[in-house]
Amino acid sequence: MPNPRLAGLFVLLAMSTHAQWLHYPTSGTPRTRDGKPNLAAKAPRAPNGKPDLSGVWQAEYARPGENERLFGDVFKDSVVPGDDPRTFSKYFLNILADFKPGEAPLRPEAAALFQRRSQGGNRESPSTRCVPQGIPRGELDNYLPFKIIQTPAVIAVLYEESNTYRQIYTDGRQLPVDQQPTWMGYSVGRWEGDTLAVDAAVSTTRAGWMQWDTLKARVFGFGSGSIGVISVIWIWS
């Protein structure tokens, strides 16, 4: 019987500059001898001793040829400057990319919904409908970075995609029982050592393509060993 929990590991890379502030280097960024940001340096610490995730991030690009191997040569007519789907994260193109057909750990109703929405192109995709991507697609959009602003009580995530935002409350509150539909859902987090564990609840009417009535996802691994890379593990249940 399929396991109803679905997990995926995503890697996010820090961006050394942002287009709006190209010639204004971020203060406090560790640098190499030639003045470039040292993305292998140890992660900075917040006043509470936890990793400070503040900064501009984007999903790791696909390796050359990886998406063609997985999905075939279907992207050549979609390539435009600055928007090349051959470089997108494979998880942005298919959240189940690591599983063989028929082996994805989905409930039967979720598998049927995924199959129905996968047919006939991307008619029901958030991108096609010009609505916010929701989570986790917002974090997987390679060519549109996002910015994390970390405070003791709340962590804000500002997405360049659709100019949306997400708030992860770390003040001890629980997820609301009576939830209103929101594009990015509700998120609460807590530190487990150097890892930020986040519970999220998202309404399917807002979140995007492959969703349930209510999506409960746990981000486990939003911690950082170095200033340049953070790993994110999503677990749906």
C-alpha atoms as a PDB file:
ATOM      1  CA  MET A   1       0.000   0.000   0.000  1.00  0.00           C
ATOM      2  CA  PRO A   2       1.451   3.397  -0.903  1.00  0.00           C
ATOM      3  CA  ASN A   3       2.914   5.357   1.958  1.00  0.00           C
ATOM      4  CA  PRO A   4       0.797   8.530   2.325  1.00  0.00           C
ATOM      5  CA  ARG A   5       3.887  10.575   3.179  1.00  0.00           C
ATOM      6  CA  LEU A   6       5.781  12.152   0.326  1.00  0.00           C
ATOM      7  CA  ALA A   7       9.227  13.608   0.831  1.00  0.00           C
ATOM      8  CA  GLY A   8      11.545  15.612  -1.371  1.00  0.00           C
ATOM      9  CA  LEU A   9      14.966  17.182  -0.838  1.00  0.00           C
ATOM     10  CA  PHE A  10      15.663  20.535  -2.449  1.00  0.00           C
ATOM     11  CA  VAL A  11      18.852  22.556  -2.418  1.00  0.00           C
ATOM     12  CA  LEU A  12      18.822  26.334  -2.334  1.00  0.00           C
ATOM     13  CA  LEU A  13      21.812  28.476  -3.223  1.00  0.00           C
ATOM     14  CA  ALA A  14      22.605  31.912  -1.919  1.00  0.00           C
ATOM     15  CA  MET A  15      22.848  34.716  -4.441  1.00  0.00           C
ATOM     16  CA  SER A  16      25.744  37.085  -3.974  1.00  0.00           C
ATOM     17  CA  THR A  17      23.955  40.095  -5.428  1.00  0.00           C
ATOM     18  CA  HIS A  18      20.487  41.168  -6.425  1.00  0.00           C
ATOM     19  CA  ALA A  19      19.627  43.050  -9.586  1.00  0.00           C
ATOM     20  CA  GLN A  20      18.140  46.023  -7.770  1.00  0.00           C
ATOM     21  CA  TRP A  21      21.313  46.549  -5.711  1.00  0.00           C
ATOM     22  CA  LEU A  22      24.001  45.293  -8.061  1.00  0.00           C
ATOM     23  CA  HIS A  23      26.710  47.683  -6.865  1.00  0.00           C
ATOM     24  CA  TYR A  24      25.761  47.759  -3.178  1.00  0.00           C
ATOM     25  CA  PRO A  25      27.429  44.759  -1.495  1.00  0.00           C
ATOM     26  CA  THR A  26      25.755  43.337   1.584  1.00  0.00           C
ATOM     27  CA  SER A  27      27.680  44.257   4.704  1.00  0.00           C
ATOM     28  CA  GLY A  28      28.982  41.411   6.838  1.00  0.00           C
ATOM     29  CA  THR A  29      29.236  38.957   3.945  1.00  0.00           C
ATOM     30  CA  PRO A  30      32.412  36.834   4.301  1.00  0.00           C
ATOM     31  CA  ARG A  31      34.671  37.371   1.314  1.00  0.00           C
ATOM     32  CA  THR A  32      37.599  35.643  -0.332  1.00  0.00           C
ATOM     33  CA  ARG A  33      40.911  37.390  -0.960  1.00  0.00           C
ATOM     34  CA  ASP A  34      39.730  38.587  -4.355  1.00  0.00           C
ATOM     35  CA  GLY A  35      36.670  40.235  -2.786  1.00  0.00           C
ATOM     36  CA  LYS A  36      34.069  37.736  -3.951  1.00  0.00           C
ATOM     37  CA  PRO A  37      31.493  36.384  -1.465  1.00  0.00           C
ATOM     38  CA  ASN A  38      32.787  33.274   0.281  1.00  0.00           C
ATOM     39  CA  LEU A  39      29.781  30.979   0.023  1.00  0.00           C
ATOM     40  CA  ALA A  40      31.674  28.172   1.795  1.00  0.00           C
ATOM     41  CA  ALA A  41      32.058  30.221   4.984  1.00  0.00           C
ATOM     42  CA  LYS A  42      30.211  29.145   8.118  1.00  0.00           C
ATOM     43  CA  ALA A  43      26.605  30.246   8.386  1.00  0.00           C
ATOM     44  CA  PRO A  44      26.107  33.455  10.375  1.00  0.00           C
ATOM     45  CA  ARG A  45      24.338  33.240  13.708  1.00  0.00           C
ATOM     46  CA  ALA A  46      21.360  35.195  14.981  1.00  0.00           C
ATOM     47  CA  PRO A  47      21.426  36.702  18.507  1.00  0.00           C
ATOM     48  CA  ASN A  48      19.714  33.532  19.819  1.00  0.00           C
ATOM     49  CA  GLY A  49      22.575  31.397  18.469  1.00  0.00           C
ATOM     50  CA  LYS A  50      20.555  29.820  15.660  1.00  0.00           C
ATOM     51  CA  PRO A  51      21.614  29.990  11.987  1.00  0.00           C
ATOM     52  CA  ASP A  52      20.634  33.295  10.419  1.00  0.00           C
ATOM     53  CA  LEU A  53      18.914  32.413   7.133  1.00  0.00           C
ATOM     54  CA  SER A  54      18.499  36.043   6.098  1.00  0.00           C
ATOM     55  CA  GLY A  55      19.521  36.703   2.515  1.00  0.00           C
ATOM     56  CA  VAL A  56      18.564  36.173  -1.115  1.00  0.00           C
ATOM     57  CA  TRP A  57      18.188  32.563  -2.251  1.00  0.00           C
ATOM     58  CA  GLN A  58      17.220  30.577  -5.325  1.00  0.00           C
ATOM     59  CA  ALA A  59      16.806  26.915  -6.190  1.00  0.00           C
ATOM     60  CA  GLU A  60      19.800  25.014  -7.496  1.00  0.00           C
ATOM     61  CA  TYR A  61      19.885  24.800 -11.287  1.00  0.00           C
ATOM     62  CA  ALA A  62      19.537  21.447 -13.009  1.00  0.00           C
ATOM     63  CA  ARG A  63      22.735  19.864 -14.290  1.00  0.00           C
ATOM     64  CA  PRO A  64      23.247  20.157 -18.064  1.00  0.00           C
ATOM     65  CA  GLY A  65      21.184  17.516 -19.838  1.00  0.00           C
ATOM     66  CA  GLU A  66      19.380  16.293 -16.696  1.00  0.00           C
ATOM     67  CA  ASN A  67      15.914  17.516 -17.645  1.00  0.00           C
ATOM     68  CA  GLU A  68      16.254  16.277 -21.223  1.00  0.00           C
ATOM     69  CA  ARG A  69      17.158  12.847 -19.845  1.00  0.00           C
ATOM     70  CA  LEU A  70      14.178  12.830 -17.481  1.00  0.00           C
ATOM     71  CA  PHE A  71      11.508  14.472 -19.617  1.00  0.00           C
ATOM     72  CA  GLY A  72      12.764  14.254 -23.200  1.00  0.00           C
ATOM     73  CA  ASP A  73      13.594  17.041 -25.617  1.00  0.00           C
ATOM     74  CA  VAL A  74      10.370  18.969 -25.033  1.00  0.00           C
ATOM     75  CA  PHE A  75      11.805  22.314 -23.932  1.00  0.00           C
ATOM     76  CA  LYS A  76      13.573  23.634 -27.045  1.00  0.00           C
ATOM     77  CA  ASP A  77      10.561  25.651 -28.227  1.00  0.00           C
ATOM     78  CA  SER A  78      10.066  27.188 -24.773  1.00  0.00           C
ATOM     79  CA  VAL A  79      13.517  28.699 -24.314  1.00  0.00           C
ATOM     80  CA  VAL A  80      13.681  32.481 -24.072  1.00  0.00           C
ATOM     81  CA  PRO A  81      16.513  34.639 -22.690  1.00  0.00           C
ATOM     82  CA  GLY A  82      16.512  34.379 -18.902  1.00  0.00           C
ATOM     83  CA  ASP A  83      13.808  31.713 -18.886  1.00  0.00           C
ATOM     84  CA  ASP A  84      15.203  28.343 -19.954  1.00  0.00           C
ATOM     85  CA  PRO A  85      13.186  25.367 -18.631  1.00  0.00           C
ATOM     86  CA  ARG A  86      16.138  23.076 -19.366  1.00  0.00           C
ATOM     87  CA  THR A  87      17.821  24.653 -16.337  1.00  0.00           C
ATOM     88  CA  PHE A  88      14.814  24.512 -13.997  1.00  0.00           C
ATOM     89  CA  SER A  89      14.833  22.311 -10.930  1.00  0.00           C
ATOM     90  CA  LYS A  90      13.439  18.910 -11.867  1.00  0.00           C
ATOM     91  CA  TYR A  91      11.108  19.199  -8.878  1.00  0.00           C
ATOM     92  CA  PHE A  92       9.604  22.382 -10.287  1.00  0.00           C
ATOM     93  CA  LEU A  93       8.778  20.466 -13.456  1.00  0.00           C
ATOM     94  CA  ASN A  94       7.629  17.324 -11.627  1.00  0.00           C
ATOM     95  CA  ILE A  95       7.540  17.113  -7.848  1.00  0.00           C
ATOM     96  CA  LEU A  96       7.645  13.294  -8.215  1.00  0.00           C
ATOM     97  CA  ALA A  97      10.730  13.260 -10.442  1.00  0.00           C
ATOM     98  CA  ASP A  98      12.636  10.866  -8.156  1.00  0.00           C
ATOM     99  CA  PHE A  99      10.000   8.138  -8.388  1.00  0.00           C
ATOM    100  CA  LYS A 100       9.334   5.633 -11.141  1.00  0.00           C
ATOM    101  CA  PRO A 101       5.820   5.602 -12.657  1.00  0.00           C
ATOM    102  CA  GLY A 102       3.467   3.785 -10.331  1.00  0.00           C
ATOM    103  CA  GLU A 103       5.869   3.890  -7.376  1.00  0.00           C
ATOM    104  CA  ALA A 104       5.135   7.381  -6.061  1.00  0.00           C
ATOM    105  CA  PRO A 105       4.014   7.247  -2.391  1.00  0.00           C
ATOM    106  CA  LEU A 106       0.605   8.821  -3.025  1.00  0.00           C
ATOM    107  CA  ARG A 107      -2.838   8.043  -1.723  1.00  0.00           C
ATOM    108  CA  PRO A 108      -5.098   6.718  -4.515  1.00  0.00           C
ATOM    109  CA  GLU A 109      -7.174   9.895  -4.643  1.00  0.00           C
ATOM    110  CA  ALA A 110      -4.055  12.043  -4.839  1.00  0.00           C
ATOM    111  CA  ALA A 111      -2.577   9.825  -7.585  1.00  0.00           C
ATOM    112  CA  ALA A 112      -5.791  10.133  -9.612  1.00  0.00           C
ATOM    113  CA  LEU A 113      -5.798  13.913  -9.208  1.00  0.00           C
ATOM    114  CA  PHE A 114      -2.146  14.153 -10.202  1.00  0.00           C
ATOM    115  CA  GLN A 115      -2.744  12.002 -13.281  1.00  0.00           C
ATOM    116  CA  ARG A 116      -5.779  14.034 -14.350  1.00  0.00           C
ATOM    117  CA  ARG A 117      -3.972  17.336 -13.969  1.00  0.00           C
ATOM    118  CA  SER A 118      -0.894  16.049 -15.768  1.00  0.00           C
ATOM    119  CA  GLN A 119      -2.852  15.332 -18.932  1.00  0.00           C
ATOM    120  CA  GLY A 120      -3.526  17.911 -21.597  1.00  0.00           C
ATOM    121  CA  GLY A 121      -0.532  20.144 -20.944  1.00  0.00           C
ATOM    122  CA  ASN A 122      -0.420  22.711 -18.174  1.00  0.00           C
ATOM    123  CA  ARG A 123      -3.971  24.037 -18.317  1.00  0.00           C
ATOM    124  CA  GLU A 124      -4.371  23.873 -14.543  1.00  0.00           C
ATOM    125  CA  SER A 125      -0.845  24.923 -13.665  1.00  0.00           C
ATOM    126  CA  PRO A 126      -0.508  28.120 -11.603  1.00  0.00           C
ATOM    127  CA  SER A 127       1.879  29.425 -14.281  1.00  0.00           C
ATOM    128  CA  THR A 128      -0.738  28.967 -16.990  1.00  0.00           C
ATOM    129  CA  ARG A 129      -3.393  30.696 -14.911  1.00  0.00           C
ATOM    130  CA  CYS A 130      -1.042  33.538 -13.927  1.00  0.00           C
ATOM    131  CA  VAL A 131      -1.597  33.041 -10.202  1.00  0.00           C
ATOM    132  CA  PRO A 132       1.037  32.677  -7.454  1.00  0.00           C
ATOM    133  CA  GLN A 133       2.852  29.352  -7.434  1.00  0.00           C
ATOM    134  CA  GLY A 134       2.162  28.575  -3.792  1.00  0.00           C
ATOM    135  CA  ILE A 135       4.441  26.272  -1.810  1.00  0.00           C
ATOM    136  CA  PRO A 136       6.687  24.492  -2.495  1.00  0.00           C
ATOM    137  CA  ARG A 137       6.734  25.664  -6.145  1.00  0.00           C
ATOM    138  CA  GLY A 138       7.619  29.195  -5.043  1.00  0.00           C
ATOM    139  CA  GLU A 139      10.903  27.945  -3.606  1.00  0.00           C
ATOM    140  CA  LEU A 140      11.661  25.881  -6.721  1.00  0.00           C
ATOM    141  CA  ASP A 141      11.351  28.632  -9.327  1.00  0.00           C
ATOM    142  CA  ASN A 142      14.988  28.873 -10.457  1.00  0.00           C
ATOM    143  CA  TYR A 143      14.972  32.138 -12.327  1.00  0.00           C
ATOM    144  CA  LEU A 144      13.009  34.076  -9.677  1.00  0.00           C
ATOM    145  CA  PRO A 145      14.838  34.258  -6.331  1.00  0.00           C
ATOM    146  CA  PHE A 146      13.315  34.954  -2.952  1.00  0.00           C
ATOM    147  CA  LYS A 147      14.514  36.790   0.116  1.00  0.00           C
ATOM    148  CA  ILE A 148      14.423  35.613   3.738  1.00  0.00           C
ATOM    149  CA  ILE A 149      14.190  38.135   6.550  1.00  0.00           C
ATOM    150  CA  GLN A 150      14.668  36.478   9.953  1.00  0.00           C
ATOM    151  CA  THR A 151      13.512  37.944  13.263  1.00  0.00           C
ATOM    152  CA  PRO A 152      13.054  36.205  16.640  1.00  0.00           C
ATOM    153  CA  ALA A 153       9.258  35.899  16.334  1.00  0.00           C
ATOM    154  CA  VAL A 154       8.649  35.558  12.608  1.00  0.00           C
ATOM    155  CA  ILE A 155      10.575  34.716   9.454  1.00  0.00           C
ATOM    156  CA  ALA A 156       9.356  36.484   6.315  1.00  0.00           C
ATOM    157  CA  VAL A 157       9.931  35.028   2.854  1.00  0.00           C
ATOM    158  CA  LEU A 158       9.539  37.543   0.016  1.00  0.00           C
ATOM    159  CA  TYR A 159       9.074  35.970  -3.422  1.00  0.00           C
ATOM    160  CA  GLU A 160       9.965  37.797  -6.610  1.00  0.00           C
ATOM    161  CA  GLU A 161       7.494  35.492  -8.342  1.00  0.00           C
ATOM    162  CA  SER A 162       4.104  37.271  -8.297  1.00  0.00           C
ATOM    163  CA  ASN A 163       5.431  39.547  -5.508  1.00  0.00           C
ATOM    164  CA  THR A 164       3.945  37.220  -2.894  1.00  0.00           C
ATOM    165  CA  TYR A 165       5.169  36.632   0.646  1.00  0.00           C
ATOM    166  CA  ARG A 166       5.060  33.982   3.328  1.00  0.00           C
ATOM    167  CA  GLN A 167       5.276  34.325   7.107  1.00  0.00           C
ATOM    168  CA  ILE A 168       6.709  31.559   9.296  1.00  0.00           C
ATOM    169  CA  TYR A 169       5.811  32.320  12.898  1.00  0.00           C
ATOM    170  CA  THR A 170       8.346  31.132  15.464  1.00  0.00           C
ATOM    171  CA  ASP A 171       6.639  32.587  18.550  1.00  0.00           C
ATOM    172  CA  GLY A 172       5.131  29.292  19.742  1.00  0.00           C
ATOM    173  CA  ARG A 173       1.686  29.583  18.166  1.00  0.00           C
ATOM    174  CA  GLN A 174      -0.092  26.622  16.573  1.00  0.00           C
ATOM    175  CA  LEU A 175      -1.607  26.356  13.102  1.00  0.00           C
ATOM    176  CA  PRO A 176      -5.089  27.916  13.037  1.00  0.00           C
ATOM    177  CA  VAL A 177      -8.065  25.578  13.132  1.00  0.00           C
ATOM    178  CA  ASP A 178     -10.371  27.798  11.070  1.00  0.00           C
ATOM    179  CA  GLN A 179      -8.160  28.612   8.094  1.00  0.00           C
ATOM    180  CA  GLN A 180      -8.992  31.093   5.386  1.00  0.00           C
ATOM    181  CA  PRO A 181      -7.721  30.440   1.834  1.00  0.00           C
ATOM    182  CA  THR A 182      -4.372  32.149   1.276  1.00  0.00           C
ATOM    183  CA  TRP A 183      -1.905  31.787  -1.572  1.00  0.00           C
ATOM    184  CA  MET A 184       0.997  30.782   0.677  1.00  0.00           C
ATOM    185  CA  GLY A 185      -0.978  29.153   3.474  1.00  0.00           C
ATOM    186  CA  TYR A 186      -0.131  29.246   7.177  1.00  0.00           C
ATOM    187  CA  SER A 187       3.276  28.314   8.574  1.00  0.00           C
ATOM    188  CA  VAL A 188       4.617  27.899  12.104  1.00  0.00           C
ATOM    189  CA  GLY A 189       8.195  26.965  12.921  1.00  0.00           C
ATOM    190  CA  ARG A 190      10.415  25.909  15.777  1.00  0.00           C
ATOM    191  CA  TRP A 191      14.150  25.351  16.074  1.00  0.00           C
ATOM    192  CA  GLU A 192      15.392  21.815  16.611  1.00  0.00           C
ATOM    193  CA  GLY A 193      19.085  22.361  17.122  1.00  0.00           C
ATOM    194  CA  ASP A 194      20.319  24.181  14.015  1.00  0.00           C
ATOM    195  CA  THR A 195      17.343  23.008  11.958  1.00  0.00           C
ATOM    196  CA  LEU A 196      14.171  25.030  11.489  1.00  0.00           C
ATOM    197  CA  ALA A 197      11.221  22.612  11.454  1.00  0.00           C
ATOM    198  CA  VAL A 198       8.166  24.201   9.836  1.00  0.00           C
ATOM    199  CA  ASP A 199       4.579  22.955   9.741  1.00  0.00           C
ATOM    200  CA  ALA A 200       2.474  24.436   6.950  1.00  0.00           C
ATOM    201  CA  ALA A 201      -1.196  24.178   6.027  1.00  0.00           C
ATOM    202  CA  VAL A 202      -2.289  25.258   2.554  1.00  0.00           C
ATOM    203  CA  SER A 203      -5.732  25.476   0.994  1.00  0.00           C
ATOM    204  CA  THR A 204      -5.888  23.703  -2.349  1.00  0.00           C
ATOM    205  CA  THR A 205      -8.094  26.409  -3.837  1.00  0.00           C
ATOM    206  CA  ARG A 206      -5.122  28.738  -3.594  1.00  0.00           C
ATOM    207  CA  ALA A 207      -1.948  26.679  -3.542  1.00  0.00           C
ATOM    208  CA  GLY A 208      -1.692  25.492  -7.108  1.00  0.00           C
ATOM    209  CA  TRP A 209      -1.466  22.379  -9.187  1.00  0.00           C
ATOM    210  CA  MET A 210      -1.204  19.077  -7.317  1.00  0.00           C
ATOM    211  CA  GLN A 211      -2.934  19.651  -3.993  1.00  0.00           C
ATOM    212  CA  TRP A 212      -5.369  18.091  -1.576  1.00  0.00           C
ATOM    213  CA  ASP A 213      -8.253  19.747   0.274  1.00  0.00           C
ATOM    214  CA  THR A 214      -5.731  20.704   2.908  1.00  0.00           C
ATOM    215  CA  LEU A 215      -2.016  20.206   2.447  1.00  0.00           C
ATOM    216  CA  LYS A 216      -0.022  19.724   5.625  1.00  0.00           C
ATOM    217  CA  ALA A 217       3.668  19.870   4.901  1.00  0.00           C
ATOM    218  CA  ARG A 218       6.629  19.756   7.208  1.00  0.00           C
ATOM    219  CA  VAL A 219       9.793  21.486   6.167  1.00  0.00           C
ATOM    220  CA  PHE A 220      12.573  19.704   8.021  1.00  0.00           C
ATOM    221  CA  GLY A 221      16.066  20.786   7.168  1.00  0.00           C
ATOM    222  CA  PHE A 222      15.768  24.532   6.625  1.00  0.00           C
ATOM    223  CA  GLY A 223      19.095  24.829   8.380  1.00  0.00           C
ATOM    224  CA  SER A 224      22.408  26.028   7.041  1.00  0.00           C
ATOM    225  CA  GLY A 225      25.894  24.668   7.569  1.00  0.00           C
ATOM    226  CA  SER A 226      27.481  27.244   5.298  1.00  0.00           C
ATOM    227  CA  ILE A 227      26.481  30.722   4.249  1.00  0.00           C
ATOM    228  CA  GLY A 228      25.977  29.662   0.628  1.00  0.00           C
ATOM    229  CA  VAL A 229      23.718  26.572   0.771  1.00  0.00           C
ATOM    230  CA  ILE A 230      20.625  25.472   2.657  1.00  0.00           C
ATOM    231  CA  SER A 231      18.802  22.177   2.208  1.00  0.00           C
ATOM    232  CA  VAL A 232      15.039  21.895   2.409  1.00  0.00           C
ATOM    233  CA  ILE A 233      13.218  18.597   2.942  1.00  0.00           C
ATOM    234  CA  TRP A 234       9.469  18.655   2.338  1.00  0.00           C
ATOM    235  CA  ILE A 235       7.279  15.939   3.868  1.00  0.00           C
ATOM    236  CA  TRP A 236       3.597  15.884   2.908  1.00  0.00           C
ATOM    237  CA  SER A 237       1.101  13.977   4.999  1.00  0.00           C
END
